[in-house]
Amino acid sequence: MYLLAKTVEILLSIYIWMIILRAIISWVSPYSRFPLASLLFRLTDPFLGKIRQLLPLPRMAIDITPVIAILILMLIRYLFSAVLS
């Protein structure tokens, strides 16, 4: 069980960093053509898109969906490690 909890914790941490990198790239160069940027967008868009559908946030200058996603993932990581530890 410890190995499973640690694996899930590492995977969620990697995904959180992917969302952070995606947010930084979208602020710096929103229409980036770098392969890494397109990979990050493809991997994180499904999760962020679901949050945008569930929470109809008003259009603002800054998209706070990544912040909400990170908070959700941190909560899942905490609950998962608490249950399995």
PDB file of N, CA and C in Angstrom:
ATOM      1  N   MET A   1       0.814  -1.205   0.000  1.00  0.00           N
ATOM      2  CA  MET A   1       0.000   0.000   0.000  1.00  0.00           C
ATOM      3  C   MET A   1       0.854   1.264   0.000  1.00  0.00           C
ATOM      4  N   TYR A   2       1.976   1.190   0.712  1.00  0.00           N
ATOM      5  CA  TYR A   2       2.850   2.353   0.758  1.00  0.00           C
ATOM      6  C   TYR A   2       3.379   2.697  -0.635  1.00  0.00           C
ATOM      7  N   LEU A   3       3.758   1.664  -1.392  1.00  0.00           N
ATOM      8  CA  LEU A   3       4.277   1.881  -2.738  1.00  0.00           C
ATOM      9  C   LEU A   3       3.218   2.514  -3.640  1.00  0.00           C
ATOM     10  N   LEU A   4       1.980   2.045  -3.524  1.00  0.00           N
ATOM     11  CA  LEU A   4       0.887   2.614  -4.311  1.00  0.00           C
ATOM     12  C   LEU A   4       0.653   4.072  -3.942  1.00  0.00           C
ATOM     13  N   ALA A   5       0.636   4.369  -2.656  1.00  0.00           N
ATOM     14  CA  ALA A   5       0.422   5.745  -2.196  1.00  0.00           C
ATOM     15  C   ALA A   5       1.544   6.660  -2.678  1.00  0.00           C
ATOM     16  N   LYS A   6       2.771   6.178  -2.606  1.00  0.00           N
ATOM     17  CA  LYS A   6       3.906   6.976  -3.044  1.00  0.00           C
ATOM     18  C   LYS A   6       3.878   7.200  -4.555  1.00  0.00           C
ATOM     19  N   THR A   7       3.497   6.177  -5.319  1.00  0.00           N
ATOM     20  CA  THR A   7       3.411   6.302  -6.769  1.00  0.00           C
ATOM     21  C   THR A   7       2.351   7.324  -7.164  1.00  0.00           C
ATOM     22  N   VAL A   8       1.181   7.247  -6.542  1.00  0.00           N
ATOM     23  CA  VAL A   8       0.106   8.207  -6.841  1.00  0.00           C
ATOM     24  C   VAL A   8       0.532   9.616  -6.439  1.00  0.00           C
ATOM     25  N   GLU A   9       1.200   9.737  -5.310  1.00  0.00           N
ATOM     26  CA  GLU A   9       1.668  11.047  -4.858  1.00  0.00           C
ATOM     27  C   GLU A   9       2.665  11.646  -5.854  1.00  0.00           C
ATOM     28  N   ILE A  10       3.579  10.844  -6.363  1.00  0.00           N
ATOM     29  CA  ILE A  10       4.562  11.325  -7.337  1.00  0.00           C
ATOM     30  C   ILE A  10       3.883  11.712  -8.647  1.00  0.00           C
ATOM     31  N   LEU A  11       2.950  10.886  -9.117  1.00  0.00           N
ATOM     32  CA  LEU A  11       2.247  11.191 -10.365  1.00  0.00           C
ATOM     33  C   LEU A  11       1.428  12.476 -10.254  1.00  0.00           C
ATOM     34  N   LEU A  12       0.757  12.663  -9.119  1.00  0.00           N
ATOM     35  CA  LEU A  12      -0.010  13.893  -8.925  1.00  0.00           C
ATOM     36  C   LEU A  12       0.909  15.110  -8.834  1.00  0.00           C
ATOM     37  N   SER A  13       2.070  14.940  -8.205  1.00  0.00           N
ATOM     38  CA  SER A  13       3.031  16.045  -8.127  1.00  0.00           C
ATOM     39  C   SER A  13       3.542  16.423  -9.511  1.00  0.00           C
ATOM     40  N   ILE A  14       3.815  15.434 -10.341  1.00  0.00           N
ATOM     41  CA  ILE A  14       4.259  15.700 -11.711  1.00  0.00           C
ATOM     42  C   ILE A  14       3.167  16.438 -12.479  1.00  0.00           C
ATOM     43  N   TYR A  15       1.918  16.011 -12.311  1.00  0.00           N
ATOM     44  CA  TYR A  15       0.817  16.659 -13.019  1.00  0.00           C
ATOM     45  C   TYR A  15       0.622  18.103 -12.545  1.00  0.00           C
ATOM     46  N   ILE A  16       0.808  18.335 -11.251  1.00  0.00           N
ATOM     47  CA  ILE A  16       0.718  19.696 -10.715  1.00  0.00           C
ATOM     48  C   ILE A  16       1.795  20.577 -11.354  1.00  0.00           C
ATOM     49  N   TRP A  17       3.013  20.060 -11.474  1.00  0.00           N
ATOM     50  CA  TRP A  17       4.081  20.834 -12.105  1.00  0.00           C
ATOM     51  C   TRP A  17       3.806  21.060 -13.581  1.00  0.00           C
ATOM     52  N   MET A  18       3.166  20.100 -14.221  1.00  0.00           N
ATOM     53  CA  MET A  18       2.803  20.282 -15.623  1.00  0.00           C
ATOM     54  C   MET A  18       1.800  21.425 -15.771  1.00  0.00           C
ATOM     55  N   ILE A  19       0.847  21.514 -14.855  1.00  0.00           N
ATOM     56  CA  ILE A  19      -0.130  22.602 -14.900  1.00  0.00           C
ATOM     57  C   ILE A  19       0.555  23.945 -14.635  1.00  0.00           C
ATOM     58  N   ILE A  20       1.499  23.969 -13.710  1.00  0.00           N
ATOM     59  CA  ILE A  20       2.234  25.206 -13.423  1.00  0.00           C
ATOM     60  C   ILE A  20       3.023  25.655 -14.657  1.00  0.00           C
ATOM     61  N   LEU A  21       3.725  24.721 -15.288  1.00  0.00           N
ATOM     62  CA  LEU A  21       4.479  25.058 -16.499  1.00  0.00           C
ATOM     63  C   LEU A  21       3.560  25.531 -17.614  1.00  0.00           C
ATOM     64  N   ARG A  22       2.410  24.890 -17.747  1.00  0.00           N
ATOM     65  CA  ARG A  22       1.443  25.286 -18.766  1.00  0.00           C
ATOM     66  C   ARG A  22       0.961  26.716 -18.528  1.00  0.00           C
ATOM     67  N   ALA A  23       0.703  27.040 -17.277  1.00  0.00           N
ATOM     68  CA  ALA A  23       0.247  28.398 -16.952  1.00  0.00           C
ATOM     69  C   ALA A  23       1.335  29.422 -17.271  1.00  0.00           C
ATOM     70  N   ILE A  24       2.569  29.110 -16.929  1.00  0.00           N
ATOM     71  CA  ILE A  24       3.670  30.036 -17.211  1.00  0.00           C
ATOM     72  C   ILE A  24       3.834  30.225 -18.720  1.00  0.00           C
ATOM     73  N   ILE A  25       3.790  29.124 -19.466  1.00  0.00           N
ATOM     74  CA  ILE A  25       3.919  29.220 -20.924  1.00  0.00           C
ATOM     75  C   ILE A  25       2.773  30.030 -21.518  1.00  0.00           C
ATOM     76  N   SER A  26       1.565  29.837 -21.000  1.00  0.00           N
ATOM     77  CA  SER A  26       0.427  30.577 -21.550  1.00  0.00           C
ATOM     78  C   SER A  26       0.515  32.071 -21.230  1.00  0.00           C
ATOM     79  N   TRP A  27       1.174  32.440 -20.147  1.00  0.00           N
ATOM     80  CA  TRP A  27       1.349  33.852 -19.827  1.00  0.00           C
ATOM     81  C   TRP A  27       2.455  34.470 -20.667  1.00  0.00           C
ATOM     82  N   VAL A  28       3.545  33.732 -20.851  1.00  0.00           N
ATOM     83  CA  VAL A  28       4.709  34.264 -21.555  1.00  0.00           C
ATOM     84  C   VAL A  28       4.505  34.250 -23.065  1.00  0.00           C
ATOM     85  N   SER A  29       4.079  33.099 -23.573  1.00  0.00           N
ATOM     86  CA  SER A  29       3.910  32.942 -25.013  1.00  0.00           C
ATOM     87  C   SER A  29       2.651  32.115 -25.270  1.00  0.00           C
ATOM     88  N   PRO A  30       1.477  32.748 -25.289  1.00  0.00           N
ATOM     89  CA  PRO A  30       0.222  31.994 -25.364  1.00  0.00           C
ATOM     90  C   PRO A  30       0.039  31.174 -26.640  1.00  0.00           C
ATOM     91  N   TYR A  31       0.665  31.557 -27.727  1.00  0.00           N
ATOM     92  CA  TYR A  31       0.508  30.824 -28.982  1.00  0.00           C
ATOM     93  C   TYR A  31       1.819  30.147 -29.363  1.00  0.00           C
ATOM     94  N   SER A  32       2.408  29.491 -28.378  1.00  0.00           N
ATOM     95  CA  SER A  32       3.712  28.871 -28.559  1.00  0.00           C
ATOM     96  C   SER A  32       3.629  27.668 -29.496  1.00  0.00           C
ATOM     97  N   ARG A  33       4.657  27.506 -30.299  1.00  0.00           N
ATOM     98  CA  ARG A  33       4.738  26.387 -31.240  1.00  0.00           C
ATOM     99  C   ARG A  33       5.765  25.348 -30.795  1.00  0.00           C
ATOM    100  N   PHE A  34       6.275  25.480 -29.569  1.00  0.00           N
ATOM    101  CA  PHE A  34       7.252  24.521 -29.077  1.00  0.00           C
ATOM    102  C   PHE A  34       6.589  23.170 -28.845  1.00  0.00           C
ATOM    103  N   PRO A  35       7.269  22.072 -29.153  1.00  0.00           N
ATOM    104  CA  PRO A  35       6.684  20.738 -28.939  1.00  0.00           C
ATOM    105  C   PRO A  35       6.324  20.480 -27.477  1.00  0.00           C
ATOM    106  N   LEU A  36       7.159  20.965 -26.550  1.00  0.00           N
ATOM    107  CA  LEU A  36       6.860  20.769 -25.131  1.00  0.00           C
ATOM    108  C   LEU A  36       5.576  21.496 -24.736  1.00  0.00           C
ATOM    109  N   ALA A  37       5.381  22.686 -25.269  1.00  0.00           N
ATOM    110  CA  ALA A  37       4.180  23.455 -24.952  1.00  0.00           C
ATOM    111  C   ALA A  37       2.935  22.743 -25.468  1.00  0.00           C
ATOM    112  N   SER A  38       2.986  22.244 -26.692  1.00  0.00           N
ATOM    113  CA  SER A  38       1.811  21.553 -27.227  1.00  0.00           C
ATOM    114  C   SER A  38       1.539  20.265 -26.455  1.00  0.00           C
ATOM    115  N   LEU A  39       2.584  19.586 -26.006  1.00  0.00           N
ATOM    116  CA  LEU A  39       2.397  18.380 -25.190  1.00  0.00           C
ATOM    117  C   LEU A  39       1.740  18.729 -23.860  1.00  0.00           C
ATOM    118  N   LEU A  40       2.216  19.792 -23.213  1.00  0.00           N
ATOM    119  CA  LEU A  40       1.618  20.206 -21.936  1.00  0.00           C
ATOM    120  C   LEU A  40       0.157  20.601 -22.114  1.00  0.00           C
ATOM    121  N   PHE A  41      -0.136  21.299 -23.196  1.00  0.00           N
ATOM    122  CA  PHE A  41      -1.518  21.708 -23.444  1.00  0.00           C
ATOM    123  C   PHE A  41      -2.402  20.481 -23.682  1.00  0.00           C
ATOM    124  N   ARG A  42      -1.914  19.510 -24.455  1.00  0.00           N
ATOM    125  CA  ARG A  42      -2.716  18.305 -24.726  1.00  0.00           C
ATOM    126  C   ARG A  42      -2.942  17.471 -23.471  1.00  0.00           C
ATOM    127  N   LEU A  43      -1.947  17.418 -22.580  1.00  0.00           N
ATOM    128  CA  LEU A  43      -2.074  16.599 -21.375  1.00  0.00           C
ATOM    129  C   LEU A  43      -2.895  17.263 -20.278  1.00  0.00           C
ATOM    130  N   THR A  44      -2.912  18.578 -20.236  1.00  0.00           N
ATOM    131  CA  THR A  44      -3.615  19.265 -19.148  1.00  0.00           C
ATOM    132  C   THR A  44      -4.984  19.812 -19.557  1.00  0.00           C
ATOM    133  N   ASP A  45      -5.223  19.974 -20.851  1.00  0.00           N
ATOM    134  CA  ASP A  45      -6.503  20.532 -21.303  1.00  0.00           C
ATOM    135  C   ASP A  45      -7.730  19.720 -20.880  1.00  0.00           C
ATOM    136  N   PRO A  46      -7.701  18.391 -20.917  1.00  0.00           N
ATOM    137  CA  PRO A  46      -8.917  17.672 -20.498  1.00  0.00           C
ATOM    138  C   PRO A  46      -9.338  17.993 -19.056  1.00  0.00           C
ATOM    139  N   PHE A  47      -8.377  18.010 -18.131  1.00  0.00           N
ATOM    140  CA  PHE A  47      -8.693  18.290 -16.727  1.00  0.00           C
ATOM    141  C   PHE A  47      -9.121  19.742 -16.538  1.00  0.00           C
ATOM    142  N   LEU A  48      -8.379  20.659 -17.130  1.00  0.00           N
ATOM    143  CA  LEU A  48      -8.730  22.071 -16.997  1.00  0.00           C
ATOM    144  C   LEU A  48     -10.051  22.382 -17.699  1.00  0.00           C
ATOM    145  N   GLY A  49     -10.318  21.710 -18.809  1.00  0.00           N
ATOM    146  CA  GLY A  49     -11.580  21.908 -19.518  1.00  0.00           C
ATOM    147  C   GLY A  49     -12.780  21.476 -18.698  1.00  0.00           C
ATOM    148  N   LYS A  50     -12.630  20.360 -17.981  1.00  0.00           N
ATOM    149  CA  LYS A  50     -13.727  19.901 -17.104  1.00  0.00           C
ATOM    150  C   LYS A  50     -13.994  20.904 -15.994  1.00  0.00           C
ATOM    151  N   ILE A  51     -12.940  21.485 -15.443  1.00  0.00           N
ATOM    152  CA  ILE A  51     -13.125  22.486 -14.388  1.00  0.00           C
ATOM    153  C   ILE A  51     -13.821  23.718 -14.958  1.00  0.00           C
ATOM    154  N   ARG A  52     -13.442  24.117 -16.164  1.00  0.00           N
ATOM    155  CA  ARG A  52     -14.094  25.273 -16.801  1.00  0.00           C
ATOM    156  C   ARG A  52     -15.569  25.003 -17.065  1.00  0.00           C
ATOM    157  N   GLN A  53     -15.909  23.750 -17.385  1.00  0.00           N
ATOM    158  CA  GLN A  53     -17.315  23.408 -17.611  1.00  0.00           C
ATOM    159  C   GLN A  53     -18.105  23.401 -16.313  1.00  0.00           C
ATOM    160  N   LEU A  54     -17.508  22.857 -15.250  1.00  0.00           N
ATOM    161  CA  LEU A  54     -18.207  22.737 -13.973  1.00  0.00           C
ATOM    162  C   LEU A  54     -18.340  24.069 -13.249  1.00  0.00           C
ATOM    163  N   LEU A  55     -17.351  24.919 -13.364  1.00  0.00           N
ATOM    164  CA  LEU A  55     -17.358  26.217 -12.687  1.00  0.00           C
ATOM    165  C   LEU A  55     -17.422  27.320 -13.730  1.00  0.00           C
ATOM    166  N   PRO A  56     -18.590  27.817 -13.993  1.00  0.00           N
ATOM    167  CA  PRO A  56     -18.697  28.880 -15.004  1.00  0.00           C
ATOM    168  C   PRO A  56     -18.131  30.193 -14.463  1.00  0.00           C
ATOM    169  N   LEU A  57     -16.824  30.325 -14.553  1.00  0.00           N
ATOM    170  CA  LEU A  57     -16.161  31.536 -14.065  1.00  0.00           C
ATOM    171  C   LEU A  57     -16.312  32.649 -15.090  1.00  0.00           C
ATOM    172  N   PRO A  58     -16.483  33.859 -14.631  1.00  0.00           N
ATOM    173  CA  PRO A  58     -16.583  34.965 -15.596  1.00  0.00           C
ATOM    174  C   PRO A  58     -15.252  35.155 -16.310  1.00  0.00           C
ATOM    175  N   ARG A  59     -15.327  35.644 -17.523  1.00  0.00           N
ATOM    176  CA  ARG A  59     -14.107  35.904 -18.296  1.00  0.00           C
ATOM    177  C   ARG A  59     -13.325  37.018 -17.624  1.00  0.00           C
ATOM    178  N   MET A  60     -12.122  36.686 -17.217  1.00  0.00           N
ATOM    179  CA  MET A  60     -11.270  37.670 -16.565  1.00  0.00           C
ATOM    180  C   MET A  60      -9.970  37.775 -17.349  1.00  0.00           C
ATOM    181  N   ALA A  61      -9.163  38.745 -16.987  1.00  0.00           N
ATOM    182  CA  ALA A  61      -7.878  38.917 -17.664  1.00  0.00           C
ATOM    183  C   ALA A  61      -6.941  37.750 -17.365  1.00  0.00           C
ATOM    184  N   ILE A  62      -7.079  37.165 -16.182  1.00  0.00           N
ATOM    185  CA  ILE A  62      -6.228  36.037 -15.784  1.00  0.00           C
ATOM    186  C   ILE A  62      -7.122  34.826 -15.549  1.00  0.00           C
ATOM    187  N   ASP A  63      -6.738  33.715 -16.158  1.00  0.00           N
ATOM    188  CA  ASP A  63      -7.475  32.462 -15.992  1.00  0.00           C
ATOM    189  C   ASP A  63      -7.044  31.809 -14.682  1.00  0.00           C
ATOM    190  N   ILE A  64      -7.981  31.656 -13.745  1.00  0.00           N
ATOM    191  CA  ILE A  64      -7.639  31.060 -12.452  1.00  0.00           C
ATOM    192  C   ILE A  64      -7.923  29.556 -12.411  1.00  0.00           C
ATOM    193  N   THR A  65      -8.295  28.983 -13.547  1.00  0.00           N
ATOM    194  CA  THR A  65      -8.560  27.551 -13.598  1.00  0.00           C
ATOM    195  C   THR A  65      -7.349  26.719 -13.168  1.00  0.00           C
ATOM    196  N   PRO A  66      -6.109  27.055 -13.571  1.00  0.00           N
ATOM    197  CA  PRO A  66      -4.973  26.262 -13.087  1.00  0.00           C
ATOM    198  C   PRO A  66      -4.823  26.285 -11.568  1.00  0.00           C
ATOM    199  N   VAL A  67      -5.135  27.406 -10.948  1.00  0.00           N
ATOM    200  CA  VAL A  67      -5.046  27.490  -9.483  1.00  0.00           C
ATOM    201  C   VAL A  67      -6.068  26.555  -8.848  1.00  0.00           C
ATOM    202  N   ILE A  68      -7.286  26.557  -9.364  1.00  0.00           N
ATOM    203  CA  ILE A  68      -8.323  25.671  -8.850  1.00  0.00           C
ATOM    204  C   ILE A  68      -7.938  24.212  -9.076  1.00  0.00           C
ATOM    205  N   ALA A  69      -7.373  23.919 -10.239  1.00  0.00           N
ATOM    206  CA  ALA A  69      -6.952  22.549 -10.545  1.00  0.00           C
ATOM    207  C   ALA A  69      -5.858  22.090  -9.595  1.00  0.00           C
ATOM    208  N   ILE A  70      -4.904  22.957  -9.317  1.00  0.00           N
ATOM    209  CA  ILE A  70      -3.816  22.596  -8.404  1.00  0.00           C
ATOM    210  C   ILE A  70      -4.357  22.351  -7.003  1.00  0.00           C
ATOM    211  N   LEU A  71      -5.282  23.177  -6.552  1.00  0.00           N
ATOM    212  CA  LEU A  71      -5.882  22.967  -5.226  1.00  0.00           C
ATOM    213  C   LEU A  71      -6.626  21.637  -5.164  1.00  0.00           C
ATOM    214  N   ILE A  72      -7.354  21.297  -6.218  1.00  0.00           N
ATOM    215  CA  ILE A  72      -8.070  20.017  -6.260  1.00  0.00           C
ATOM    216  C   ILE A  72      -7.086  18.856  -6.228  1.00  0.00           C
ATOM    217  N   LEU A  73      -6.030  18.941  -7.027  1.00  0.00           N
ATOM    218  CA  LEU A  73      -5.043  17.862  -7.067  1.00  0.00           C
ATOM    219  C   LEU A  73      -4.296  17.726  -5.741  1.00  0.00           C
ATOM    220  N   MET A  74      -4.012  18.845  -5.093  1.00  0.00           N
ATOM    221  CA  MET A  74      -3.356  18.782  -3.784  1.00  0.00           C
ATOM    222  C   MET A  74      -4.272  18.141  -2.741  1.00  0.00           C
ATOM    223  N   LEU A  75      -5.557  18.441  -2.806  1.00  0.00           N
ATOM    224  CA  LEU A  75      -6.512  17.819  -1.899  1.00  0.00           C
ATOM    225  C   LEU A  75      -6.597  16.319  -2.149  1.00  0.00           C
ATOM    226  N   ILE A  76      -6.654  15.915  -3.414  1.00  0.00           N
ATOM    227  CA  ILE A  76      -6.695  14.489  -3.753  1.00  0.00           C
ATOM    228  C   ILE A  76      -5.420  13.797  -3.275  1.00  0.00           C
ATOM    229  N   ARG A  77      -4.281  14.438  -3.501  1.00  0.00           N
ATOM    230  CA  ARG A  77      -3.004  13.851  -3.068  1.00  0.00           C
ATOM    231  C   ARG A  77      -2.975  13.672  -1.555  1.00  0.00           C
ATOM    232  N   TYR A  78      -3.449  14.685  -0.819  1.00  0.00           N
ATOM    233  CA  TYR A  78      -3.474  14.604   0.640  1.00  0.00           C
ATOM    234  C   TYR A  78      -4.414  13.500   1.117  1.00  0.00           C
ATOM    235  N   LEU A  79      -5.623  13.466   0.565  1.00  0.00           N
ATOM    236  CA  LEU A  79      -6.592  12.454   0.988  1.00  0.00           C
ATOM    237  C   LEU A  79      -6.121  11.048   0.636  1.00  0.00           C
ATOM    238  N   PHE A  80      -5.545  10.895  -0.539  1.00  0.00           N
ATOM    239  CA  PHE A  80      -5.073   9.582  -0.967  1.00  0.00           C
ATOM    240  C   PHE A  80      -3.948   9.090  -0.061  1.00  0.00           C
ATOM    241  N   SER A  81      -3.009   9.967   0.262  1.00  0.00           N
ATOM    242  CA  SER A  81      -1.899   9.545   1.130  1.00  0.00           C
ATOM    243  C   SER A  81      -2.381   9.312   2.554  1.00  0.00           C
ATOM    244  N   ALA A  82      -3.382  10.070   3.011  1.00  0.00           N
ATOM    245  CA  ALA A  82      -3.906   9.873   4.372  1.00  0.00           C
ATOM    246  C   ALA A  82      -4.653   8.546   4.502  1.00  0.00           C
ATOM    247  N   VAL A  83      -5.377   8.179   3.456  1.00  0.00           N
ATOM    248  CA  VAL A  83      -6.139   6.936   3.500  1.00  0.00           C
ATOM    249  C   VAL A  83      -5.210   5.721   3.413  1.00  0.00           C
ATOM    250  N   LEU A  84      -4.209   5.785   2.556  1.00  0.00           N
ATOM    251  CA  LEU A  84      -3.339   4.624   2.339  1.00  0.00           C
ATOM    252  C   LEU A  84      -2.156   4.556   3.286  1.00  0.00           C
ATOM    253  N   SER A  85      -1.892   5.599   4.027  1.00  0.00           N
ATOM    254  CA  SER A  85      -0.740   5.564   4.944  1.00  0.00           C
ATOM    255  C   SER A  85      -1.121   5.039   6.301  1.00  0.00           C
TER     256      SER A  85
END
